[in-house]
């Protein structure tokens, strides 16, 4: 299984990537964003969601 980190996961491009990866059992996405509530309209089952600011990540 391949891990994929998506920074800024609530952005427009990231949402397309999340939709694409959601149907792929060979990739395990980790979503990093400021507020997880912004993803309430997406199916994030099987994905790890991390809340935080980029400076705290780096």
C-alpha atoms as a PDB file:
ATOM      1  CA  UNK A   1       0.000   0.000   0.000  1.00  0.00           C
ATOM      2  CA  UNK A   2       1.217   3.494  -0.877  1.00  0.00           C
ATOM      3  CA  UNK A   3       0.792   6.464   1.459  1.00  0.00           C
ATOM      4  CA  UNK A   4      -0.123   9.891   0.059  1.00  0.00           C
ATOM      5  CA  UNK A   5      -0.004  13.168   1.999  1.00  0.00           C
ATOM      6  CA  UNK A   6      -2.332  15.914   0.783  1.00  0.00           C
ATOM      7  CA  UNK A   7      -1.571  19.349   2.238  1.00  0.00           C
ATOM      8  CA  UNK A   8      -4.341  21.948   2.097  1.00  0.00           C
ATOM      9  CA  UNK A   9      -6.924  19.204   1.723  1.00  0.00           C
ATOM     10  CA  UNK A  10      -9.908  21.570   1.732  1.00  0.00           C
ATOM     11  CA  UNK A  11      -8.746  23.351  -1.446  1.00  0.00           C
ATOM     12  CA  UNK A  12     -10.389  22.934  -4.845  1.00  0.00           C
ATOM     13  CA  UNK A  13      -7.643  20.864  -6.475  1.00  0.00           C
ATOM     14  CA  UNK A  14      -7.175  18.730  -3.357  1.00  0.00           C
ATOM     15  CA  UNK A  15     -10.893  17.883  -3.364  1.00  0.00           C
ATOM     16  CA  UNK A  16     -10.554  16.446  -6.873  1.00  0.00           C
ATOM     17  CA  UNK A  17      -7.545  14.409  -5.775  1.00  0.00           C
ATOM     18  CA  UNK A  18      -9.418  13.148  -2.692  1.00  0.00           C
ATOM     19  CA  UNK A  19     -12.333  12.080  -4.885  1.00  0.00           C
ATOM     20  CA  UNK A  20      -9.969  10.205  -7.181  1.00  0.00           C
ATOM     21  CA  UNK A  21      -8.056   8.512  -4.361  1.00  0.00           C
ATOM     22  CA  UNK A  22     -11.226   7.589  -2.485  1.00  0.00           C
ATOM     23  CA  UNK A  23     -11.947   4.768  -4.903  1.00  0.00           C
ATOM     24  CA  UNK A  24      -8.398   3.400  -4.911  1.00  0.00           C
ATOM     25  CA  UNK A  25      -7.688   0.624  -2.383  1.00  0.00           C
ATOM     26  CA  UNK A  26      -3.945   0.693  -3.105  1.00  0.00           C
ATOM     27  CA  UNK A  27      -3.397   4.242  -1.806  1.00  0.00           C
ATOM     28  CA  UNK A  28      -3.872   5.379   1.799  1.00  0.00           C
ATOM     29  CA  UNK A  29      -4.356   9.184   1.851  1.00  0.00           C
ATOM     30  CA  UNK A  30      -3.534  11.398   4.822  1.00  0.00           C
ATOM     31  CA  UNK A  31      -5.336  14.735   4.632  1.00  0.00           C
ATOM     32  CA  UNK A  32      -3.778  17.763   6.333  1.00  0.00           C
ATOM     33  CA  UNK A  33      -5.837  20.942   6.707  1.00  0.00           C
ATOM     34  CA  UNK A  34      -6.675  23.731   9.157  1.00  0.00           C
ATOM     35  CA  UNK A  35     -10.296  22.773   9.887  1.00  0.00           C
ATOM     36  CA  UNK A  36     -11.555  19.226   9.392  1.00  0.00           C
ATOM     37  CA  UNK A  37     -15.149  20.507   9.388  1.00  0.00           C
ATOM     38  CA  UNK A  38     -14.535  21.801   5.853  1.00  0.00           C
ATOM     39  CA  UNK A  39     -14.499  18.172   4.662  1.00  0.00           C
ATOM     40  CA  UNK A  40     -17.927  17.312   6.092  1.00  0.00           C
ATOM     41  CA  UNK A  41     -19.387  17.032   2.584  1.00  0.00           C
ATOM     42  CA  UNK A  42     -16.768  14.458   1.464  1.00  0.00           C
ATOM     43  CA  UNK A  43     -16.476  10.750   2.233  1.00  0.00           C
ATOM     44  CA  UNK A  44     -13.170  10.467   4.080  1.00  0.00           C
ATOM     45  CA  UNK A  45     -13.628   6.896   5.289  1.00  0.00           C
ATOM     46  CA  UNK A  46     -10.344   5.004   5.132  1.00  0.00           C
ATOM     47  CA  UNK A  47      -8.397   8.278   5.176  1.00  0.00           C
ATOM     48  CA  UNK A  48      -6.465   9.872   8.018  1.00  0.00           C
ATOM     49  CA  UNK A  49      -7.456  13.492   8.685  1.00  0.00           C
ATOM     50  CA  UNK A  50      -5.021  15.767  10.561  1.00  0.00           C
ATOM     51  CA  UNK A  51      -5.905  19.296  11.665  1.00  0.00           C
ATOM     52  CA  UNK A  52      -3.213  21.952  12.053  1.00  0.00           C
ATOM     53  CA  UNK A  53      -1.263  24.834  10.576  1.00  0.00           C
ATOM     54  CA  UNK A  54       1.552  24.214   8.118  1.00  0.00           C
ATOM     55  CA  UNK A  55       4.179  25.824  10.397  1.00  0.00           C
ATOM     56  CA  UNK A  56       3.371  23.268  13.134  1.00  0.00           C
ATOM     57  CA  UNK A  57       3.800  20.465  10.597  1.00  0.00           C
ATOM     58  CA  UNK A  58       7.199  21.505   9.237  1.00  0.00           C
END
